[in-house]
Amino acid sequence: MLPQLDVKVAKKAILEGFRKTDELLLQESVSGNLCVFVANIGDAKAVLARSSNTNELGSHTETCIPLKAIVLTREHKAIYPQERSRIQKFGVTATPDIHAFELTERENFMILGCDGLWEVFGPSDAVGFVQKLLKEGLPVSVISRRLVKEAVKERRCKDNCTAIVIVFKRG
């Protein structure tokens, strides 16, 4: 039997980790550049929606030009040979994959979703779905719910399904 985890100790450790991360990032962020960090453990995925080139700049709500879907994370699933080998060799790990990118005018939004979402949506398909709803002027909270509803009710997702849409505002 596993020992009982002290919830207060766990919460304190997590909060302290966030606080220390904030402090270190603030100390380093003197250049004025905006950098986004994505850390992932497990089978969730982060997908960035980016304009293809500088000639296509403009708000996602002003254009129908398809955005490029860029997968930012690596899924930690044992169905992938490299991941299965890592799991067999080292076991489960608490070390996240970390991806960072500079936020420019080309980045429009990011979709964070669990594996259920990505089992029924391809990255480009999800980006197009969100882009269309943003063009309609819907609030981001509604768009996130619509994305999950589409996955579960229309596309028959049988797994857990969650999604967060983060829009990068400018100006």
N, C-alpha and C. Protein backbone atom coordinates (compact mmCIF):
# COMPACT_ATOMS: atom_id res chain seq x y z
N MET A 1 0.84 -1.19 0.00
CA MET A 1 0.00 0.00 0.00
C MET A 1 0.88 1.25 0.00
N LEU A 2 0.49 2.22 -0.81
CA LEU A 2 1.24 3.47 -0.90
C LEU A 2 0.96 4.36 0.31
N PRO A 3 1.97 5.09 0.76
CA PRO A 3 1.73 6.02 1.87
C PRO A 3 0.79 7.15 1.44
N GLN A 4 0.03 7.63 2.39
CA GLN A 4 -0.92 8.73 2.14
C GLN A 4 -0.14 10.01 1.84
N LEU A 5 -0.45 10.65 0.75
CA LEU A 5 0.20 11.90 0.37
C LEU A 5 -0.42 13.04 1.17
N ASP A 6 0.41 13.86 1.75
CA ASP A 6 -0.06 15.02 2.49
C ASP A 6 -0.43 16.10 1.47
N VAL A 7 -1.71 16.40 1.35
CA VAL A 7 -2.22 17.34 0.35
C VAL A 7 -1.62 18.73 0.56
N LYS A 8 -1.50 19.16 1.80
CA LYS A 8 -0.94 20.49 2.06
C LYS A 8 0.51 20.58 1.58
N VAL A 9 1.28 19.53 1.81
CA VAL A 9 2.69 19.51 1.39
C VAL A 9 2.76 19.54 -0.14
N ALA A 10 1.92 18.76 -0.79
CA ALA A 10 1.91 18.72 -2.26
C ALA A 10 1.53 20.08 -2.84
N LYS A 11 0.48 20.70 -2.31
CA LYS A 11 0.07 22.02 -2.80
C LYS A 11 1.17 23.06 -2.60
N LYS A 12 1.81 23.01 -1.43
CA LYS A 12 2.89 23.96 -1.15
C LYS A 12 4.04 23.78 -2.14
N ALA A 13 4.39 22.53 -2.44
CA ALA A 13 5.49 22.26 -3.38
C ALA A 13 5.15 22.76 -4.78
N ILE A 14 3.93 22.53 -5.22
CA ILE A 14 3.51 22.98 -6.56
C ILE A 14 3.52 24.51 -6.64
N LEU A 15 2.93 25.15 -5.64
CA LEU A 15 2.90 26.62 -5.63
C LEU A 15 4.31 27.20 -5.58
N GLU A 16 5.19 26.59 -4.80
CA GLU A 16 6.57 27.06 -4.71
C GLU A 16 7.28 26.91 -6.06
N GLY A 17 7.00 25.83 -6.77
CA GLY A 17 7.57 25.63 -8.10
C GLY A 17 7.14 26.73 -9.06
N PHE A 18 5.86 27.08 -9.03
CA PHE A 18 5.36 28.16 -9.89
C PHE A 18 6.00 29.50 -9.50
N ARG A 19 6.09 29.76 -8.19
CA ARG A 19 6.67 31.03 -7.73
C ARG A 19 8.12 31.16 -8.18
N LYS A 20 8.90 30.10 -7.99
CA LYS A 20 10.31 30.14 -8.39
C LYS A 20 10.46 30.31 -9.90
N THR A 21 9.61 29.64 -10.66
CA THR A 21 9.64 29.78 -12.11
C THR A 21 9.35 31.22 -12.51
N ASP A 22 8.31 31.82 -11.92
CA ASP A 22 7.98 33.22 -12.20
C ASP A 22 9.16 34.14 -11.90
N GLU A 23 9.79 33.95 -10.74
CA GLU A 23 10.92 34.79 -10.35
C GLU A 23 12.06 34.69 -11.37
N LEU A 24 12.42 33.47 -11.74
CA LEU A 24 13.52 33.27 -12.69
C LEU A 24 13.20 33.87 -14.06
N LEU A 25 11.98 33.67 -14.53
CA LEU A 25 11.60 34.21 -15.83
C LEU A 25 11.57 35.73 -15.82
N LEU A 26 11.10 36.32 -14.72
CA LEU A 26 11.07 37.78 -14.62
C LEU A 26 12.48 38.36 -14.60
N GLN A 27 13.41 37.68 -13.94
CA GLN A 27 14.80 38.15 -13.90
C GLN A 27 15.42 38.11 -15.29
N GLU A 28 15.03 37.15 -16.09
CA GLU A 28 15.61 36.97 -17.42
C GLU A 28 14.93 37.81 -18.50
N SER A 29 13.74 38.32 -18.23
CA SER A 29 12.95 38.97 -19.28
C SER A 29 13.17 40.48 -19.34
N VAL A 30 14.40 40.90 -19.52
CA VAL A 30 14.70 42.32 -19.61
C VAL A 30 14.73 42.81 -21.04
N SER A 31 14.71 41.91 -22.02
CA SER A 31 14.87 42.30 -23.42
C SER A 31 13.60 42.89 -24.03
N GLY A 32 12.45 42.63 -23.43
CA GLY A 32 11.21 43.12 -23.99
C GLY A 32 10.56 42.15 -24.95
N ASN A 33 11.25 41.09 -25.33
CA ASN A 33 10.65 40.07 -26.19
C ASN A 33 9.64 39.26 -25.40
N LEU A 34 8.62 38.80 -26.09
CA LEU A 34 7.63 37.95 -25.45
C LEU A 34 7.89 36.51 -25.85
N CYS A 35 8.05 35.67 -24.86
CA CYS A 35 8.33 34.26 -25.12
C CYS A 35 7.25 33.43 -24.44
N VAL A 36 6.77 32.42 -25.13
CA VAL A 36 5.76 31.52 -24.58
C VAL A 36 6.43 30.18 -24.34
N PHE A 37 6.19 29.61 -23.16
CA PHE A 37 6.71 28.30 -22.81
C PHE A 37 5.55 27.32 -22.69
N VAL A 38 5.74 26.13 -23.24
CA VAL A 38 4.75 25.07 -23.12
C VAL A 38 5.47 23.86 -22.54
N ALA A 39 4.99 23.36 -21.41
CA ALA A 39 5.57 22.17 -20.78
C ALA A 39 4.50 21.09 -20.77
N ASN A 40 4.91 19.86 -21.08
CA ASN A 40 3.94 18.79 -21.23
C ASN A 40 4.45 17.48 -20.66
N ILE A 41 3.58 16.83 -19.89
CA ILE A 41 3.79 15.45 -19.46
C ILE A 41 2.49 14.73 -19.79
N GLY A 42 2.58 13.61 -20.43
CA GLY A 42 1.38 12.83 -20.71
C GLY A 42 0.99 12.89 -22.16
N ASP A 43 -0.29 12.63 -22.41
CA ASP A 43 -0.74 12.51 -23.79
C ASP A 43 -1.55 13.71 -24.27
N ALA A 44 -1.42 14.84 -23.60
CA ALA A 44 -2.04 16.07 -24.08
C ALA A 44 -1.16 16.65 -25.18
N LYS A 45 -1.72 17.60 -25.92
CA LYS A 45 -0.97 18.18 -27.04
C LYS A 45 -1.26 19.68 -27.09
N ALA A 46 -0.25 20.45 -27.50
CA ALA A 46 -0.40 21.88 -27.73
C ALA A 46 -0.15 22.14 -29.21
N VAL A 47 -1.06 22.89 -29.84
CA VAL A 47 -0.95 23.21 -31.26
C VAL A 47 -1.02 24.73 -31.41
N LEU A 48 -0.04 25.29 -32.10
CA LEU A 48 0.04 26.72 -32.36
C LEU A 48 -0.52 27.02 -33.74
N ALA A 49 -1.32 28.09 -33.84
CA ALA A 49 -1.84 28.56 -35.14
C ALA A 49 -1.03 29.77 -35.55
N ARG A 50 -0.33 29.64 -36.67
CA ARG A 50 0.59 30.70 -37.11
C ARG A 50 0.32 31.06 -38.56
N SER A 51 0.39 32.36 -38.87
CA SER A 51 0.31 32.82 -40.26
C SER A 51 1.50 32.27 -41.01
N SER A 52 1.29 31.89 -42.27
CA SER A 52 2.35 31.25 -43.05
C SER A 52 3.54 32.14 -43.31
N ASN A 53 3.31 33.41 -43.63
CA ASN A 53 4.43 34.32 -43.85
C ASN A 53 4.02 35.75 -43.54
N THR A 54 4.97 36.65 -43.60
CA THR A 54 4.71 38.04 -43.21
C THR A 54 3.76 38.76 -44.16
N ASN A 55 3.56 38.24 -45.37
CA ASN A 55 2.60 38.85 -46.29
C ASN A 55 1.16 38.57 -45.88
N GLU A 56 0.98 37.59 -45.00
CA GLU A 56 -0.37 37.21 -44.58
C GLU A 56 -0.69 37.69 -43.18
N LEU A 57 0.07 38.66 -42.68
CA LEU A 57 -0.18 39.15 -41.33
C LEU A 57 -1.54 39.80 -41.25
N GLY A 58 -2.07 39.78 -40.08
CA GLY A 58 -3.38 40.35 -39.85
C GLY A 58 -4.09 39.50 -38.84
N SER A 59 -5.11 40.05 -38.29
CA SER A 59 -5.85 39.33 -37.26
C SER A 59 -6.56 38.13 -37.85
N HIS A 60 -6.65 37.09 -37.04
CA HIS A 60 -7.36 35.89 -37.44
C HIS A 60 -8.82 36.19 -37.73
N THR A 61 -9.33 37.29 -37.18
CA THR A 61 -10.73 37.63 -37.41
C THR A 61 -10.92 38.42 -38.69
N GLU A 62 -9.83 38.88 -39.31
CA GLU A 62 -9.94 39.70 -40.52
C GLU A 62 -9.67 38.92 -41.80
N THR A 63 -9.23 37.69 -41.69
CA THR A 63 -8.79 36.96 -42.87
C THR A 63 -9.33 35.55 -42.88
N CYS A 64 -9.47 35.00 -44.07
CA CYS A 64 -9.87 33.60 -44.21
C CYS A 64 -8.70 32.75 -44.67
N ILE A 65 -7.51 33.34 -44.72
CA ILE A 65 -6.32 32.59 -45.12
C ILE A 65 -6.05 31.53 -44.06
N PRO A 66 -5.96 30.26 -44.46
CA PRO A 66 -5.72 29.21 -43.45
C PRO A 66 -4.41 29.44 -42.70
N LEU A 67 -4.46 29.18 -41.42
CA LEU A 67 -3.28 29.30 -40.58
C LEU A 67 -2.55 27.96 -40.55
N LYS A 68 -1.26 28.01 -40.34
CA LYS A 68 -0.46 26.80 -40.24
C LYS A 68 -0.58 26.24 -38.83
N ALA A 69 -0.81 24.94 -38.71
CA ALA A 69 -0.89 24.28 -37.41
C ALA A 69 0.48 23.68 -37.07
N ILE A 70 1.03 24.10 -35.95
CA ILE A 70 2.35 23.62 -35.53
C ILE A 70 2.19 22.88 -34.20
N VAL A 71 2.48 21.59 -34.20
CA VAL A 71 2.40 20.79 -32.97
C VAL A 71 3.63 21.11 -32.13
N LEU A 72 3.40 21.56 -30.90
CA LEU A 72 4.49 22.00 -30.03
C LEU A 72 4.96 20.94 -29.04
N THR A 73 4.19 19.89 -28.87
CA THR A 73 4.49 18.92 -27.83
C THR A 73 4.65 17.52 -28.41
N ARG A 74 5.30 16.68 -27.63
CA ARG A 74 5.46 15.28 -27.99
C ARG A 74 4.61 14.48 -27.02
N GLU A 75 3.76 13.62 -27.58
CA GLU A 75 2.89 12.82 -26.73
C GLU A 75 3.69 11.72 -26.04
N HIS A 76 3.41 11.52 -24.78
CA HIS A 76 4.06 10.47 -23.99
C HIS A 76 3.12 9.26 -23.97
N LYS A 77 3.05 8.54 -25.06
CA LYS A 77 2.19 7.36 -25.17
C LYS A 77 3.04 6.14 -25.47
N ALA A 78 2.73 5.05 -24.81
CA ALA A 78 3.51 3.82 -24.99
C ALA A 78 3.29 3.18 -26.37
N ILE A 79 2.34 3.68 -27.15
CA ILE A 79 2.14 3.11 -28.49
C ILE A 79 3.25 3.52 -29.45
N TYR A 80 4.01 4.58 -29.09
CA TYR A 80 5.12 5.01 -29.92
C TYR A 80 6.38 4.26 -29.48
N PRO A 81 7.08 3.60 -30.41
CA PRO A 81 8.24 2.78 -30.04
C PRO A 81 9.28 3.51 -29.19
N GLN A 82 9.62 4.74 -29.54
CA GLN A 82 10.63 5.48 -28.77
C GLN A 82 10.15 5.72 -27.34
N GLU A 83 8.87 6.06 -27.20
CA GLU A 83 8.32 6.32 -25.87
C GLU A 83 8.20 5.02 -25.08
N ARG A 84 7.79 3.93 -25.73
CA ARG A 84 7.68 2.64 -25.05
C ARG A 84 9.06 2.22 -24.52
N SER A 85 10.09 2.42 -25.33
CA SER A 85 11.45 2.09 -24.92
C SER A 85 11.87 2.91 -23.71
N ARG A 86 11.56 4.20 -23.73
CA ARG A 86 11.91 5.07 -22.60
C ARG A 86 11.19 4.63 -21.33
N ILE A 87 9.90 4.31 -21.45
CA ILE A 87 9.11 3.89 -20.29
C ILE A 87 9.66 2.59 -19.73
N GLN A 88 9.97 1.63 -20.61
CA GLN A 88 10.49 0.34 -20.16
C GLN A 88 11.85 0.50 -19.48
N LYS A 89 12.65 1.43 -19.97
CA LYS A 89 13.99 1.63 -19.43
C LYS A 89 13.96 2.40 -18.11
N PHE A 90 13.20 3.49 -18.06
CA PHE A 90 13.24 4.37 -16.90
C PHE A 90 11.95 4.39 -16.08
N GLY A 91 10.86 3.90 -16.63
CA GLY A 91 9.59 4.00 -15.94
C GLY A 91 8.95 5.35 -16.17
N VAL A 92 7.92 5.63 -15.42
CA VAL A 92 7.20 6.89 -15.55
C VAL A 92 8.10 8.02 -15.06
N THR A 93 8.06 9.13 -15.75
CA THR A 93 8.92 10.26 -15.38
C THR A 93 8.09 11.51 -15.12
N ALA A 94 8.60 12.37 -14.27
CA ALA A 94 7.95 13.65 -14.01
C ALA A 94 8.67 14.77 -14.75
N THR A 95 9.51 14.42 -15.71
CA THR A 95 10.25 15.42 -16.47
C THR A 95 9.45 15.81 -17.71
N PRO A 96 9.00 17.05 -17.79
CA PRO A 96 8.20 17.46 -18.94
C PRO A 96 9.06 17.74 -20.18
N ASP A 97 8.43 17.62 -21.33
CA ASP A 97 9.02 18.16 -22.55
C ASP A 97 8.69 19.65 -22.53
N ILE A 98 9.66 20.48 -22.84
CA ILE A 98 9.45 21.93 -22.79
C ILE A 98 9.76 22.52 -24.16
N HIS A 99 8.83 23.33 -24.64
CA HIS A 99 9.01 24.01 -25.92
C HIS A 99 8.82 25.50 -25.67
N ALA A 100 9.63 26.32 -26.29
CA ALA A 100 9.51 27.77 -26.16
C ALA A 100 9.53 28.40 -27.54
N PHE A 101 8.77 29.47 -27.70
CA PHE A 101 8.79 30.21 -28.96
C PHE A 101 8.55 31.69 -28.68
N GLU A 102 9.13 32.52 -29.53
CA GLU A 102 8.93 33.96 -29.41
C GLU A 102 7.58 34.32 -30.00
N LEU A 103 6.86 35.16 -29.30
CA LEU A 103 5.54 35.60 -29.75
C LEU A 103 5.73 36.78 -30.70
N THR A 104 5.36 36.58 -31.97
CA THR A 104 5.45 37.63 -32.98
C THR A 104 4.05 37.91 -33.52
N GLU A 105 3.97 38.75 -34.55
CA GLU A 105 2.67 39.04 -35.16
C GLU A 105 2.08 37.82 -35.86
N ARG A 106 2.91 36.83 -36.14
CA ARG A 106 2.45 35.65 -36.89
C ARG A 106 1.67 34.66 -36.03
N GLU A 107 1.90 34.67 -34.71
CA GLU A 107 1.20 33.72 -33.84
C GLU A 107 -0.19 34.26 -33.54
N ASN A 108 -1.20 33.45 -33.83
CA ASN A 108 -2.58 33.88 -33.64
C ASN A 108 -3.21 33.30 -32.38
N PHE A 109 -3.14 31.99 -32.23
CA PHE A 109 -3.71 31.35 -31.05
C PHE A 109 -3.07 29.99 -30.85
N MET A 110 -3.38 29.39 -29.69
CA MET A 110 -2.87 28.06 -29.37
C MET A 110 -4.02 27.24 -28.81
N ILE A 111 -4.04 25.97 -29.16
CA ILE A 111 -5.04 25.04 -28.64
C ILE A 111 -4.32 24.02 -27.77
N LEU A 112 -4.76 23.90 -26.52
CA LEU A 112 -4.27 22.86 -25.63
C LEU A 112 -5.40 21.84 -25.50
N GLY A 113 -5.10 20.58 -25.75
CA GLY A 113 -6.15 19.57 -25.68
C GLY A 113 -5.63 18.23 -25.22
N CYS A 114 -6.49 17.48 -24.55
CA CYS A 114 -6.10 16.14 -24.13
C CYS A 114 -6.22 15.19 -25.32
N ASP A 115 -5.79 13.95 -25.12
CA ASP A 115 -5.72 13.01 -26.23
C ASP A 115 -7.07 12.75 -26.89
N GLY A 116 -8.16 12.83 -26.13
CA GLY A 116 -9.48 12.61 -26.71
C GLY A 116 -9.79 13.58 -27.84
N LEU A 117 -9.43 14.84 -27.66
CA LEU A 117 -9.65 15.84 -28.70
C LEU A 117 -8.87 15.50 -29.96
N TRP A 118 -7.60 15.12 -29.77
CA TRP A 118 -6.71 14.89 -30.92
C TRP A 118 -6.96 13.54 -31.59
N GLU A 119 -7.74 12.67 -30.95
CA GLU A 119 -8.11 11.41 -31.61
C GLU A 119 -9.14 11.63 -32.70
N VAL A 120 -9.89 12.74 -32.61
CA VAL A 120 -10.93 13.01 -33.62
C VAL A 120 -10.66 14.28 -34.43
N PHE A 121 -9.72 15.08 -34.01
CA PHE A 121 -9.32 16.30 -34.72
C PHE A 121 -7.85 16.19 -35.09
N GLY A 122 -7.52 16.45 -36.34
CA GLY A 122 -6.12 16.65 -36.70
C GLY A 122 -5.74 18.06 -36.33
N PRO A 123 -4.45 18.36 -36.16
CA PRO A 123 -4.05 19.72 -35.78
C PRO A 123 -4.55 20.80 -36.74
N SER A 124 -4.42 20.59 -38.05
CA SER A 124 -4.88 21.60 -39.02
C SER A 124 -6.39 21.75 -38.99
N ASP A 125 -7.08 20.64 -38.81
CA ASP A 125 -8.55 20.65 -38.73
C ASP A 125 -9.01 21.46 -37.51
N ALA A 126 -8.38 21.25 -36.37
CA ALA A 126 -8.75 21.98 -35.15
C ALA A 126 -8.45 23.47 -35.30
N VAL A 127 -7.31 23.80 -35.88
CA VAL A 127 -6.96 25.21 -36.10
C VAL A 127 -7.98 25.87 -37.02
N GLY A 128 -8.36 25.20 -38.09
CA GLY A 128 -9.38 25.74 -39.00
C GLY A 128 -10.72 25.93 -38.32
N PHE A 129 -11.10 24.97 -37.48
CA PHE A 129 -12.37 25.04 -36.75
C PHE A 129 -12.37 26.27 -35.83
N VAL A 130 -11.30 26.45 -35.07
CA VAL A 130 -11.20 27.59 -34.15
C VAL A 130 -11.12 28.90 -34.93
N GLN A 131 -10.35 28.94 -36.00
CA GLN A 131 -10.21 30.16 -36.81
C GLN A 131 -11.57 30.61 -37.33
N LYS A 132 -12.38 29.68 -37.79
CA LYS A 132 -13.72 30.00 -38.31
C LYS A 132 -14.59 30.63 -37.21
N LEU A 133 -14.55 30.05 -36.01
CA LEU A 133 -15.37 30.58 -34.92
C LEU A 133 -14.86 31.93 -34.43
N LEU A 134 -13.55 32.14 -34.45
CA LEU A 134 -13.01 33.45 -34.10
C LEU A 134 -13.47 34.50 -35.10
N LYS A 135 -13.49 34.13 -36.38
CA LYS A 135 -13.94 35.05 -37.43
C LYS A 135 -15.40 35.45 -37.21
N GLU A 136 -16.18 34.53 -36.64
CA GLU A 136 -17.59 34.83 -36.34
C GLU A 136 -17.73 35.75 -35.13
N GLY A 137 -16.63 35.99 -34.42
CA GLY A 137 -16.66 36.91 -33.28
C GLY A 137 -17.07 36.29 -31.96
N LEU A 138 -17.05 34.97 -31.87
CA LEU A 138 -17.44 34.31 -30.63
C LEU A 138 -16.38 34.47 -29.55
N PRO A 139 -16.81 34.53 -28.28
CA PRO A 139 -15.84 34.59 -27.19
C PRO A 139 -15.02 33.30 -27.12
N VAL A 140 -13.80 33.41 -26.64
CA VAL A 140 -12.90 32.25 -26.59
C VAL A 140 -13.48 31.14 -25.72
N SER A 141 -14.15 31.48 -24.63
CA SER A 141 -14.74 30.44 -23.77
C SER A 141 -15.79 29.63 -24.52
N VAL A 142 -16.56 30.29 -25.35
CA VAL A 142 -17.57 29.59 -26.17
C VAL A 142 -16.88 28.72 -27.22
N ILE A 143 -15.82 29.23 -27.80
CA ILE A 143 -15.09 28.47 -28.83
C ILE A 143 -14.52 27.19 -28.23
N SER A 144 -13.95 27.26 -27.04
CA SER A 144 -13.42 26.06 -26.39
C SER A 144 -14.52 25.02 -26.17
N ARG A 145 -15.68 25.49 -25.70
CA ARG A 145 -16.81 24.56 -25.49
C ARG A 145 -17.30 23.97 -26.80
N ARG A 146 -17.37 24.79 -27.84
CA ARG A 146 -17.81 24.30 -29.16
C ARG A 146 -16.85 23.25 -29.72
N LEU A 147 -15.56 23.47 -29.51
CA LEU A 147 -14.55 22.52 -29.98
C LEU A 147 -14.75 21.17 -29.30
N VAL A 148 -14.96 21.17 -28.00
CA VAL A 148 -15.19 19.92 -27.26
C VAL A 148 -16.51 19.29 -27.68
N LYS A 149 -17.55 20.11 -27.82
CA LYS A 149 -18.86 19.59 -28.24
C LYS A 149 -18.77 18.94 -29.61
N GLU A 150 -18.07 19.57 -30.53
CA GLU A 150 -17.87 19.01 -31.87
C GLU A 150 -17.15 17.66 -31.78
N ALA A 151 -16.13 17.59 -30.94
CA ALA A 151 -15.36 16.35 -30.79
C ALA A 151 -16.22 15.23 -30.22
N VAL A 152 -17.01 15.53 -29.20
CA VAL A 152 -17.78 14.50 -28.50
C VAL A 152 -19.06 14.13 -29.24
N LYS A 153 -19.86 15.13 -29.60
CA LYS A 153 -21.19 14.84 -30.18
C LYS A 153 -21.15 14.56 -31.67
N GLU A 154 -20.38 15.32 -32.41
CA GLU A 154 -20.37 15.18 -33.87
C GLU A 154 -19.35 14.16 -34.35
N ARG A 155 -18.19 14.14 -33.71
CA ARG A 155 -17.11 13.27 -34.19
C ARG A 155 -16.96 12.01 -33.34
N ARG A 156 -17.83 11.86 -32.37
CA ARG A 156 -17.93 10.63 -31.57
C ARG A 156 -16.68 10.29 -30.77
N CYS A 157 -16.07 11.27 -30.16
CA CYS A 157 -14.93 11.03 -29.28
C CYS A 157 -15.39 10.15 -28.12
N LYS A 158 -14.66 9.07 -27.86
CA LYS A 158 -15.03 8.14 -26.80
C LYS A 158 -14.14 8.29 -25.56
N ASP A 159 -13.15 9.14 -25.63
CA ASP A 159 -12.20 9.34 -24.53
C ASP A 159 -12.57 10.63 -23.80
N ASN A 160 -11.86 10.90 -22.71
CA ASN A 160 -12.06 12.20 -22.07
C ASN A 160 -11.65 13.28 -23.06
N CYS A 161 -12.31 14.42 -22.99
CA CYS A 161 -12.07 15.46 -24.00
C CYS A 161 -12.12 16.84 -23.34
N THR A 162 -10.98 17.50 -23.33
CA THR A 162 -10.91 18.87 -22.83
C THR A 162 -10.09 19.71 -23.81
N ALA A 163 -10.38 21.00 -23.82
CA ALA A 163 -9.64 21.91 -24.71
C ALA A 163 -9.61 23.30 -24.10
N ILE A 164 -8.49 23.95 -24.30
CA ILE A 164 -8.32 25.35 -23.92
C ILE A 164 -7.80 26.08 -25.16
N VAL A 165 -8.43 27.20 -25.49
CA VAL A 165 -7.97 28.02 -26.61
C VAL A 165 -7.41 29.31 -26.02
N ILE A 166 -6.19 29.63 -26.41
CA ILE A 166 -5.52 30.85 -25.94
C ILE A 166 -5.28 31.74 -27.15
N VAL A 167 -5.90 32.91 -27.16
CA VAL A 167 -5.74 33.85 -28.27
C VAL A 167 -4.69 34.88 -27.86
N PHE A 168 -3.74 35.12 -28.75
CA PHE A 168 -2.68 36.09 -28.49
C PHE A 168 -3.13 37.45 -28.99
N LYS A 169 -3.54 38.31 -28.06
CA LYS A 169 -4.03 39.66 -28.39
C LYS A 169 -2.86 40.58 -28.66
N ARG A 170 -3.11 41.53 -29.51
CA ARG A 170 -2.09 42.54 -29.82
C ARG A 170 -2.69 43.93 -29.64
N GLY A 171 -1.80 44.86 -29.30
CA GLY A 171 -2.21 46.26 -29.25
C GLY A 171 -2.86 46.70 -28.03
